[in-house]
Full PDB file with SEQRES, HELIX, SHEET, SSBOND, CRYST1, ORIGX, SCALE, CONECT and MASTER records, all heavy atoms in Angstrom:
SEQRES   1 A   34  ASN LEU VAL ILE SER ARG ILE GLU PHE ASP GLU ASN GLY          
SEQRES   2 A   34  GLU GLU VAL TYR VAL ALA PRO THR ASP GLU GLU PHE GLU          
SEQRES   3 A   34  ALA VAL ARG ASP ALA TYR GLU LYS                              
HELIX    1 AA1 ASP A   22  GLU A   33  1                                  12    
SHEET    1 AA1 2 ARG A   6  PHE A   9  0                                        
SHEET    2 AA1 2 GLU A  15  VAL A  18 -1                                        
CRYST1    1.000    1.000    1.000  90.00  90.00  90.00 P 1           1          
ORIGX1      1.000000  0.000000  0.000000        0.00000                         
ORIGX2      0.000000  1.000000  0.000000        0.00000                         
ORIGX3      0.000000  0.000000  1.000000        0.00000                         
SCALE1      1.000000  0.000000  0.000000        0.00000                         
SCALE2      0.000000  1.000000  0.000000        0.00000                         
SCALE3      0.000000  0.000000  1.000000        0.00000                         
ATOM      1  N   ASN A   1       0.820  -1.200   0.000  1.00  0.00           N  
ATOM      2  CA  ASN A   1       0.000   0.000   0.000  1.00  0.00           C  
ATOM      3  C   ASN A   1       0.862   1.261   0.000  1.00  0.00           C  
ATOM      4  O   ASN A   1       0.609   2.211   0.727  1.00  0.00           O  
ATOM      5  CB  ASN A   1      -0.951  -0.005   1.203  1.00  0.00           C  
ATOM      6  CG  ASN A   1      -1.956  -1.123   1.106  1.00  0.00           C  
ATOM      7  OD1 ASN A   1      -2.570  -1.316   0.067  1.00  0.00           O  
ATOM      8  ND2 ASN A   1      -2.115  -1.868   2.172  1.00  0.00           N  
ATOM      9  N   LEU A   2       1.886   1.260  -0.837  1.00  0.00           N  
ATOM     10  CA  LEU A   2       2.795   2.394  -0.972  1.00  0.00           C  
ATOM     11  C   LEU A   2       2.049   3.614  -1.509  1.00  0.00           C  
ATOM     12  O   LEU A   2       1.285   3.502  -2.466  1.00  0.00           O  
ATOM     13  CB  LEU A   2       3.912   2.002  -1.944  1.00  0.00           C  
ATOM     14  CG  LEU A   2       5.020   3.004  -2.178  1.00  0.00           C  
ATOM     15  CD1 LEU A   2       5.973   2.979  -0.994  1.00  0.00           C  
ATOM     16  CD2 LEU A   2       5.769   2.649  -3.441  1.00  0.00           C  
ATOM     17  N   VAL A   3       2.236   4.758  -0.860  1.00  0.00           N  
ATOM     18  CA  VAL A   3       1.610   6.005  -1.301  1.00  0.00           C  
ATOM     19  C   VAL A   3       2.723   7.002  -1.620  1.00  0.00           C  
ATOM     20  O   VAL A   3       3.631   7.201  -0.809  1.00  0.00           O  
ATOM     21  CB  VAL A   3       0.682   6.596  -0.214  1.00  0.00           C  
ATOM     22  CG1 VAL A   3       0.120   7.935  -0.654  1.00  0.00           C  
ATOM     23  CG2 VAL A   3      -0.434   5.627   0.117  1.00  0.00           C  
ATOM     24  N   ILE A   4       2.657   7.583  -2.799  1.00  0.00           N  
ATOM     25  CA  ILE A   4       3.633   8.589  -3.205  1.00  0.00           C  
ATOM     26  C   ILE A   4       2.887   9.881  -3.489  1.00  0.00           C  
ATOM     27  O   ILE A   4       1.892   9.877  -4.219  1.00  0.00           O  
ATOM     28  CB  ILE A   4       4.413   8.141  -4.456  1.00  0.00           C  
ATOM     29  CG1 ILE A   4       5.228   6.874  -4.137  1.00  0.00           C  
ATOM     30  CG2 ILE A   4       5.315   9.260  -4.967  1.00  0.00           C  
ATOM     31  CD1 ILE A   4       5.903   6.253  -5.329  1.00  0.00           C  
ATOM     32  N   SER A   5       3.345  10.969  -2.897  1.00  0.00           N  
ATOM     33  CA  SER A   5       2.740  12.279  -3.114  1.00  0.00           C  
ATOM     34  C   SER A   5       3.819  13.284  -3.478  1.00  0.00           C  
ATOM     35  O   SER A   5       4.935  13.219  -2.981  1.00  0.00           O  
ATOM     36  CB  SER A   5       2.034  12.774  -1.847  1.00  0.00           C  
ATOM     37  OG  SER A   5       0.947  11.956  -1.528  1.00  0.00           O  
ATOM     38  N   ARG A   6       3.455  14.222  -4.348  1.00  0.00           N  
ATOM     39  CA  ARG A   6       4.348  15.342  -4.644  1.00  0.00           C  
ATOM     40  C   ARG A   6       4.042  16.423  -3.619  1.00  0.00           C  
ATOM     41  O   ARG A   6       2.895  16.686  -3.287  1.00  0.00           O  
ATOM     42  CB  ARG A   6       4.114  15.857  -6.071  1.00  0.00           C  
ATOM     43  CG  ARG A   6       5.126  16.930  -6.464  1.00  0.00           C  
ATOM     44  CD  ARG A   6       5.010  17.359  -7.912  1.00  0.00           C  
ATOM     45  NE  ARG A   6       3.740  18.020  -8.162  1.00  0.00           N  
ATOM     46  CZ  ARG A   6       2.819  17.585  -9.027  1.00  0.00           C  
ATOM     47  NH1 ARG A   6       3.009  16.475  -9.726  1.00  0.00           N  
ATOM     48  NH2 ARG A   6       1.712  18.238  -9.197  1.00  0.00           N  
ATOM     49  N   ILE A   7       5.095  17.039  -3.097  1.00  0.00           N  
ATOM     50  CA  ILE A   7       4.929  18.088  -2.097  1.00  0.00           C  
ATOM     51  C   ILE A   7       5.022  19.441  -2.787  1.00  0.00           C  
ATOM     52  O   ILE A   7       6.030  19.753  -3.421  1.00  0.00           O  
ATOM     53  CB  ILE A   7       5.992  17.987  -0.986  1.00  0.00           C  
ATOM     54  CG1 ILE A   7       5.953  16.597  -0.335  1.00  0.00           C  
ATOM     55  CG2 ILE A   7       5.785  19.089   0.051  1.00  0.00           C  
ATOM     56  CD1 ILE A   7       7.117  16.328   0.595  1.00  0.00           C  
ATOM     57  N   GLU A   8       3.955  20.211  -2.667  1.00  0.00           N  
ATOM     58  CA  GLU A   8       3.940  21.579  -3.176  1.00  0.00           C  
ATOM     59  C   GLU A   8       3.650  22.503  -1.997  1.00  0.00           C  
ATOM     60  O   GLU A   8       3.406  22.045  -0.881  1.00  0.00           O  
ATOM     61  CB  GLU A   8       2.881  21.724  -4.270  1.00  0.00           C  
ATOM     62  CG  GLU A   8       3.196  20.899  -5.501  1.00  0.00           C  
ATOM     63  CD  GLU A   8       2.228  21.124  -6.644  1.00  0.00           C  
ATOM     64  OE1 GLU A   8       1.262  21.905  -6.496  1.00  0.00           O  
ATOM     65  OE2 GLU A   8       2.436  20.506  -7.703  1.00  0.00           O  
ATOM     66  N   PHE A   9       3.678  23.788  -2.236  1.00  0.00           N  
ATOM     67  CA  PHE A   9       3.440  24.758  -1.172  1.00  0.00           C  
ATOM     68  C   PHE A   9       2.344  25.717  -1.597  1.00  0.00           C  
ATOM     69  O   PHE A   9       2.333  26.191  -2.737  1.00  0.00           O  
ATOM     70  CB  PHE A   9       4.732  25.512  -0.840  1.00  0.00           C  
ATOM     71  CG  PHE A   9       5.800  24.595  -0.309  1.00  0.00           C  
ATOM     72  CD1 PHE A   9       6.709  23.979  -1.164  1.00  0.00           C  
ATOM     73  CD2 PHE A   9       5.877  24.331   1.047  1.00  0.00           C  
ATOM     74  CE1 PHE A   9       7.671  23.113  -0.679  1.00  0.00           C  
ATOM     75  CE2 PHE A   9       6.847  23.466   1.541  1.00  0.00           C  
ATOM     76  CZ  PHE A   9       7.747  22.851   0.678  1.00  0.00           C  
ATOM     77  N   ASP A  10       1.416  25.989  -0.669  1.00  0.00           N  
ATOM     78  CA  ASP A  10       0.333  26.917  -0.982  1.00  0.00           C  
ATOM     79  C   ASP A  10       0.799  28.355  -0.789  1.00  0.00           C  
ATOM     80  O   ASP A  10       1.978  28.610  -0.497  1.00  0.00           O  
ATOM     81  CB  ASP A  10      -0.926  26.595  -0.167  1.00  0.00           C  
ATOM     82  CG  ASP A  10      -0.769  26.818   1.338  1.00  0.00           C  
ATOM     83  OD1 ASP A  10       0.224  27.461   1.771  1.00  0.00           O  
ATOM     84  OD2 ASP A  10      -1.636  26.355   2.087  1.00  0.00           O  
ATOM     85  N   GLU A  11      -0.118  29.303  -0.938  1.00  0.00           N  
ATOM     86  CA  GLU A  11       0.231  30.726  -0.853  1.00  0.00           C  
ATOM     87  C   GLU A  11       0.729  31.139   0.527  1.00  0.00           C  
ATOM     88  O   GLU A  11       1.379  32.180   0.681  1.00  0.00           O  
ATOM     89  CB  GLU A  11      -0.972  31.595  -1.260  1.00  0.00           C  
ATOM     90  CG  GLU A  11      -2.199  31.444  -0.400  1.00  0.00           C  
ATOM     91  CD  GLU A  11      -3.077  30.248  -0.786  1.00  0.00           C  
ATOM     92  OE1 GLU A  11      -2.825  29.597  -1.806  1.00  0.00           O  
ATOM     93  OE2 GLU A  11      -4.010  29.968  -0.019  1.00  0.00           O  
ATOM     94  N   ASN A  12       0.467  30.314   1.556  1.00  0.00           N  
ATOM     95  CA  ASN A  12       0.942  30.597   2.913  1.00  0.00           C  
ATOM     96  C   ASN A  12       2.234  29.858   3.244  1.00  0.00           C  
ATOM     97  O   ASN A  12       2.709  29.897   4.367  1.00  0.00           O  
ATOM     98  CB  ASN A  12      -0.134  30.222   3.939  1.00  0.00           C  
ATOM     99  CG  ASN A  12      -1.391  31.024   3.763  1.00  0.00           C  
ATOM    100  OD1 ASN A  12      -1.347  32.227   3.506  1.00  0.00           O  
ATOM    101  ND2 ASN A  12      -2.532  30.371   3.875  1.00  0.00           N  
ATOM    102  N   GLY A  13       2.782  29.164   2.256  1.00  0.00           N  
ATOM    103  CA  GLY A  13       4.005  28.408   2.478  1.00  0.00           C  
ATOM    104  C   GLY A  13       3.777  27.069   3.153  1.00  0.00           C  
ATOM    105  O   GLY A  13       4.734  26.402   3.537  1.00  0.00           O  
ATOM    106  N   GLU A  14       2.514  26.664   3.284  1.00  0.00           N  
ATOM    107  CA  GLU A  14       2.181  25.388   3.909  1.00  0.00           C  
ATOM    108  C   GLU A  14       2.328  24.256   2.897  1.00  0.00           C  
ATOM    109  O   GLU A  14       1.986  24.412   1.727  1.00  0.00           O  
ATOM    110  CB  GLU A  14       0.736  25.409   4.432  1.00  0.00           C  
ATOM    111  CG  GLU A  14       0.461  26.473   5.473  1.00  0.00           C  
ATOM    112  CD  GLU A  14       1.079  26.154   6.812  1.00  0.00           C  
ATOM    113  OE1 GLU A  14       1.157  24.956   7.163  1.00  0.00           O  
ATOM    114  OE2 GLU A  14       1.489  27.099   7.506  1.00  0.00           O  
ATOM    115  N   GLU A  15       2.818  23.120   3.358  1.00  0.00           N  
ATOM    116  CA  GLU A  15       2.947  21.963   2.473  1.00  0.00           C  
ATOM    117  C   GLU A  15       1.580  21.457   2.061  1.00  0.00           C  
ATOM    118  O   GLU A  15       0.659  21.373   2.873  1.00  0.00           O  
ATOM    119  CB  GLU A  15       3.693  20.830   3.176  1.00  0.00           C  
ATOM    120  CG  GLU A  15       5.147  21.112   3.408  1.00  0.00           C  
ATOM    121  CD  GLU A  15       5.859  19.953   4.083  1.00  0.00           C  
ATOM    122  OE1 GLU A  15       5.194  19.018   4.589  1.00  0.00           O  
ATOM    123  OE2 GLU A  15       7.091  19.977   4.118  1.00  0.00           O  
ATOM    124  N   VAL A  16       1.482  21.108   0.784  1.00  0.00           N  
ATOM    125  CA  VAL A  16       0.276  20.502   0.240  1.00  0.00           C  
ATOM    126  C   VAL A  16       0.721  19.250  -0.503  1.00  0.00           C  
ATOM    127  O   VAL A  16       1.638  19.301  -1.315  1.00  0.00           O  
ATOM    128  CB  VAL A  16      -0.444  21.471  -0.735  1.00  0.00           C  
ATOM    129  CG1 VAL A  16      -1.666  20.820  -1.332  1.00  0.00           C  
ATOM    130  CG2 VAL A  16      -0.792  22.774  -0.035  1.00  0.00           C  
ATOM    131  N   TYR A  17       0.079  18.141  -0.196  1.00  0.00           N  
ATOM    132  CA  TYR A  17       0.421  16.877  -0.834  1.00  0.00           C  
ATOM    133  C   TYR A  17      -0.551  16.623  -1.983  1.00  0.00           C  
ATOM    134  O   TYR A  17      -1.756  16.597  -1.775  1.00  0.00           O  
ATOM    135  CB  TYR A  17       0.374  15.735   0.181  1.00  0.00           C  
ATOM    136  CG  TYR A  17       1.424  15.896   1.253  1.00  0.00           C  
ATOM    137  CD1 TYR A  17       1.202  16.694   2.374  1.00  0.00           C  
ATOM    138  CD2 TYR A  17       2.654  15.275   1.133  1.00  0.00           C  
ATOM    139  CE1 TYR A  17       2.174  16.857   3.345  1.00  0.00           C  
ATOM    140  CE2 TYR A  17       3.634  15.422   2.094  1.00  0.00           C  
ATOM    141  CZ  TYR A  17       3.385  16.216   3.199  1.00  0.00           C  
ATOM    142  OH  TYR A  17       4.353  16.387   4.154  1.00  0.00           O  
ATOM    143  N   VAL A  18      -0.003  16.456  -3.187  1.00  0.00           N  
ATOM    144  CA  VAL A  18      -0.836  16.258  -4.371  1.00  0.00           C  
ATOM    145  C   VAL A  18      -0.391  14.987  -5.096  1.00  0.00           C  
ATOM    146  O   VAL A  18       0.740  14.518  -4.943  1.00  0.00           O  
ATOM    147  CB  VAL A  18      -0.764  17.472  -5.334  1.00  0.00           C  
ATOM    148  CG1 VAL A  18      -1.287  18.729  -4.664  1.00  0.00           C  
ATOM    149  CG2 VAL A  18       0.652  17.700  -5.813  1.00  0.00           C  
ATOM    150  N   ALA A  19      -1.294  14.464  -5.899  1.00  0.00           N  
ATOM    151  CA  ALA A  19      -0.984  13.254  -6.660  1.00  0.00           C  
ATOM    152  C   ALA A  19       0.069  13.567  -7.718  1.00  0.00           C  
ATOM    153  O   ALA A  19      -0.025  14.568  -8.425  1.00  0.00           O  
ATOM    154  CB  ALA A  19      -2.248  12.723  -7.317  1.00  0.00           C  
ATOM    155  N   PRO A  20       1.082  12.717  -7.830  1.00  0.00           N  
ATOM    156  CA  PRO A  20       2.086  12.908  -8.872  1.00  0.00           C  
ATOM    157  C   PRO A  20       1.534  12.453 -10.223  1.00  0.00           C  
ATOM    158  O   PRO A  20       0.534  11.728 -10.281  1.00  0.00           O  
ATOM    159  CB  PRO A  20       3.226  11.996  -8.424  1.00  0.00           C  
ATOM    160  CG  PRO A  20       2.546  10.901  -7.670  1.00  0.00           C  
ATOM    161  CD  PRO A  20       1.377  11.558  -6.992  1.00  0.00           C  
ATOM    162  N   THR A  21       2.200  12.863 -11.283  1.00  0.00           N  
ATOM    163  CA  THR A  21       1.853  12.339 -12.600  1.00  0.00           C  
ATOM    164  C   THR A  21       2.256  10.861 -12.632  1.00  0.00           C  
ATOM    165  O   THR A  21       3.009  10.389 -11.772  1.00  0.00           O  
ATOM    166  CB  THR A  21       2.601  13.080 -13.722  1.00  0.00           C  
ATOM    167  OG1 THR A  21       4.014  12.822 -13.568  1.00  0.00           O  
ATOM    168  CG2 THR A  21       2.328  14.578 -13.696  1.00  0.00           C  
ATOM    169  N   ASP A  22       1.775  10.141 -13.617  1.00  0.00           N  
ATOM    170  CA  ASP A  22       2.151   8.730 -13.748  1.00  0.00           C  
ATOM    171  C   ASP A  22       3.658   8.580 -13.884  1.00  0.00           C  
ATOM    172  O   ASP A  22       4.260   7.691 -13.284  1.00  0.00           O  
ATOM    173  CB  ASP A  22       1.460   8.094 -14.956  1.00  0.00           C  
ATOM    174  CG  ASP A  22      -0.040   7.915 -14.755  1.00  0.00           C  
ATOM    175  OD1 ASP A  22      -0.508   7.972 -13.597  1.00  0.00           O  
ATOM    176  OD2 ASP A  22      -0.737   7.717 -15.767  1.00  0.00           O  
ATOM    177  N   GLU A  23       4.275   9.467 -14.661  1.00  0.00           N  
ATOM    178  CA  GLU A  23       5.723   9.402 -14.863  1.00  0.00           C  
ATOM    179  C   GLU A  23       6.471   9.674 -13.561  1.00  0.00           C  
ATOM    180  O   GLU A  23       7.460   8.997 -13.247  1.00  0.00           O  
ATOM    181  CB  GLU A  23       6.169  10.397 -15.939  1.00  0.00           C  
ATOM    182  CG  GLU A  23       5.657  10.078 -17.332  1.00  0.00           C  
ATOM    183  CD  GLU A  23       4.223  10.557 -17.583  1.00  0.00           C  
ATOM    184  OE1 GLU A  23       3.673  11.360 -16.777  1.00  0.00           O  
ATOM    185  OE2 GLU A  23       3.633  10.113 -18.575  1.00  0.00           O  
ATOM    186  N   GLU A  24       6.015  10.674 -12.790  1.00  0.00           N  
ATOM    187  CA  GLU A  24       6.652  10.973 -11.507  1.00  0.00           C  
ATOM    188  C   GLU A  24       6.497   9.798 -10.551  1.00  0.00           C  
ATOM    189  O   GLU A  24       7.449   9.415  -9.869  1.00  0.00           O  
ATOM    190  CB  GLU A  24       6.038  12.229 -10.880  1.00  0.00           C  
ATOM    191  CG  GLU A  24       6.387  13.503 -11.596  1.00  0.00           C  
ATOM    192  CD  GLU A  24       5.611  14.696 -11.077  1.00  0.00           C  
ATOM    193  OE1 GLU A  24       4.444  14.534 -10.636  1.00  0.00           O  
ATOM    194  OE2 GLU A  24       6.162  15.806 -11.136  1.00  0.00           O  
ATOM    195  N   PHE A  25       5.287   9.229 -10.508  1.00  0.00           N  
ATOM    196  CA  PHE A  25       5.039   8.095  -9.621  1.00  0.00           C  
ATOM    197  C   PHE A  25       5.994   6.951  -9.931  1.00  0.00           C  
ATOM    198  O   PHE A  25       6.633   6.400  -9.024  1.00  0.00           O  
ATOM    199  CB  PHE A  25       3.592   7.610  -9.749  1.00  0.00           C  
ATOM    200  CG  PHE A  25       3.283   6.432  -8.872  1.00  0.00           C  
ATOM    201  CD1 PHE A  25       2.838   6.621  -7.582  1.00  0.00           C  
ATOM    202  CD2 PHE A  25       3.459   5.133  -9.331  1.00  0.00           C  
ATOM    203  CE1 PHE A  25       2.565   5.534  -6.757  1.00  0.00           C  
ATOM    204  CE2 PHE A  25       3.194   4.037  -8.523  1.00  0.00           C  
ATOM    205  CZ  PHE A  25       2.753   4.242  -7.229  1.00  0.00           C  
ATOM    206  N   GLU A  26       6.114   6.600 -11.205  1.00  0.00           N  
ATOM    207  CA  GLU A  26       6.991   5.500 -11.595  1.00  0.00           C  
ATOM    208  C   GLU A  26       8.450   5.794 -11.263  1.00  0.00           C  
ATOM    209  O   GLU A  26       9.169   4.916 -10.771  1.00  0.00           O  
ATOM    210  CB  GLU A  26       6.822   5.204 -13.077  1.00  0.00           C  
ATOM    211  CG  GLU A  26       5.472   4.587 -13.401  1.00  0.00           C  
ATOM    212  CD  GLU A  26       5.250   4.364 -14.889  1.00  0.00           C  
ATOM    213  OE1 GLU A  26       6.231   4.394 -15.660  1.00  0.00           O  
ATOM    214  OE2 GLU A  26       4.084   4.160 -15.265  1.00  0.00           O  
ATOM    215  N   ALA A  27       8.899   7.025 -11.494  1.00  0.00           N  
ATOM    216  CA  ALA A  27      10.288   7.384 -11.214  1.00  0.00           C  
ATOM    217  C   ALA A  27      10.579   7.324  -9.716  1.00  0.00           C  
ATOM    218  O   ALA A  27      11.618   6.791  -9.294  1.00  0.00           O  
ATOM    219  CB  ALA A  27      10.595   8.779 -11.755  1.00  0.00           C  
ATOM    220  N   VAL A  28       9.661   7.846  -8.900  1.00  0.00           N  
ATOM    221  CA  VAL A  28       9.867   7.830  -7.450  1.00  0.00           C  
ATOM    222  C   VAL A  28       9.783   6.403  -6.922  1.00  0.00           C  
ATOM    223  O   VAL A  28      10.588   5.998  -6.082  1.00  0.00           O  
ATOM    224  CB  VAL A  28       8.854   8.761  -6.741  1.00  0.00           C  
ATOM    225  CG1 VAL A  28       8.939   8.616  -5.229  1.00  0.00           C  
ATOM    226  CG2 VAL A  28       9.089  10.204  -7.148  1.00  0.00           C  
ATOM    227  N   ARG A  29       8.835   5.614  -7.426  1.00  0.00           N  
ATOM    228  CA  ARG A  29       8.712   4.219  -7.001  1.00  0.00           C  
ATOM    229  C   ARG A  29       9.993   3.455  -7.332  1.00  0.00           C  
ATOM    230  O   ARG A  29      10.521   2.716  -6.500  1.00  0.00           O  
ATOM    231  CB  ARG A  29       7.519   3.553  -7.673  1.00  0.00           C  
ATOM    232  CG  ARG A  29       7.305   2.115  -7.166  1.00  0.00           C  
ATOM    233  CD  ARG A  29       6.370   1.329  -8.024  1.00  0.00           C  
ATOM    234  NE  ARG A  29       6.921   1.288  -9.376  1.00  0.00           N  
ATOM    235  CZ  ARG A  29       6.184   1.218 -10.466  1.00  0.00           C  
ATOM    236  NH1 ARG A  29       4.886   1.190 -10.396  1.00  0.00           N  
ATOM    237  NH2 ARG A  29       6.754   1.186 -11.659  1.00  0.00           N  
ATOM    238  N   ASP A  30      10.527   3.664  -8.534  1.00  0.00           N  
ATOM    239  CA  ASP A  30      11.765   2.991  -8.923  1.00  0.00           C  
ATOM    240  C   ASP A  30      12.927   3.407  -8.022  1.00  0.00           C  
ATOM    241  O   ASP A  30      13.732   2.568  -7.602  1.00  0.00           O  
ATOM    242  CB  ASP A  30      12.105   3.280 -10.386  1.00  0.00           C  
ATOM    243  CG  ASP A  30      11.124   2.624 -11.358  1.00  0.00           C  
ATOM    244  OD1 ASP A  30      10.342   1.739 -10.939  1.00  0.00           O  
ATOM    245  OD2 ASP A  30      11.130   3.015 -12.541  1.00  0.00           O  
ATOM    246  N   ALA A  31      13.016   4.696  -7.706  1.00  0.00           N  
ATOM    247  CA  ALA A  31      14.077   5.189  -6.826  1.00  0.00           C  
ATOM    248  C   ALA A  31      13.927   4.590  -5.427  1.00  0.00           C  
ATOM    249  O   ALA A  31      14.913   4.182  -4.803  1.00  0.00           O  
ATOM    250  CB  ALA A  31      14.050   6.712  -6.764  1.00  0.00           C  
ATOM    251  N   TYR A  32      12.703   4.508  -4.933  1.00  0.00           N  
ATOM    252  CA  TYR A  32      12.449   3.929  -3.613  1.00  0.00           C  
ATOM    253  C   TYR A  32      12.862   2.457  -3.595  1.00  0.00           C  
ATOM    254  O   TYR A  32      13.543   2.004  -2.671  1.00  0.00           O  
ATOM    255  CB  TYR A  32      10.972   4.081  -3.235  1.00  0.00           C  
ATOM    256  CG  TYR A  32      10.604   3.302  -2.003  1.00  0.00           C  
ATOM    257  CD1 TYR A  32      10.943   3.776  -0.735  1.00  0.00           C  
ATOM    258  CD2 TYR A  32       9.948   2.080  -2.089  1.00  0.00           C  
ATOM    259  CE1 TYR A  32      10.635   3.049   0.394  1.00  0.00           C  
ATOM    260  CE2 TYR A  32       9.641   1.354  -0.968  1.00  0.00           C  
ATOM    261  CZ  TYR A  32       9.976   1.838   0.274  1.00  0.00           C  
ATOM    262  OH  TYR A  32       9.682   1.120   1.394  1.00  0.00           O  
ATOM    263  N   GLU A  33      12.450   1.710  -4.626  1.00  0.00           N  
ATOM    264  CA  GLU A  33      12.796   0.290  -4.685  1.00  0.00           C  
ATOM    265  C   GLU A  33      14.310   0.088  -4.738  1.00  0.00           C  
ATOM    266  O   GLU A  33      14.838  -0.835  -4.120  1.00  0.00           O  
ATOM    267  CB  GLU A  33      12.109  -0.371  -5.875  1.00  0.00           C  
ATOM    268  CG  GLU A  33      10.614  -0.512  -5.676  1.00  0.00           C  
ATOM    269  CD  GLU A  33       9.872  -1.038  -6.889  1.00  0.00           C  
ATOM    270  OE1 GLU A  33      10.489  -1.174  -7.977  1.00  0.00           O  
ATOM    271  OE2 GLU A  33       8.669  -1.314  -6.762  1.00  0.00           O  
ATOM    272  N   LYS A  34      15.011   0.964  -5.449  1.00  0.00           N  
ATOM    273  CA  LYS A  34      16.471   0.879  -5.505  1.00  0.00           C  
ATOM    274  C   LYS A  34      17.076   1.136  -4.121  1.00  0.00           C  
ATOM    275  O   LYS A  34      18.010   0.443  -3.708  1.00  0.00           O  
ATOM    276  CB  LYS A  34      17.017   1.875  -6.525  1.00  0.00           C  
ATOM    277  CG  LYS A  34      18.507   1.792  -6.692  1.00  0.00           C  
ATOM    278  CD  LYS A  34      19.021   2.747  -7.746  1.00  0.00           C  
ATOM    279  CE  LYS A  34      20.532   2.643  -7.849  1.00  0.00           C  
ATOM    280  NZ  LYS A  34      21.096   3.587  -8.799  1.00  0.00           N  
TER     281      LYS A  34                                                      
MASTER        0    0    0    1    2    0    0    6  280    1    0    3          
END                                                                             
């Protein structure tokens, strides 16, 4: 149940977790597995 989120920042500088693109998800998953 691995969850990958891209971290962005809102107008107040607060972290916001958003869904990555398919390409980002695959790249991060591959890096994690390595």
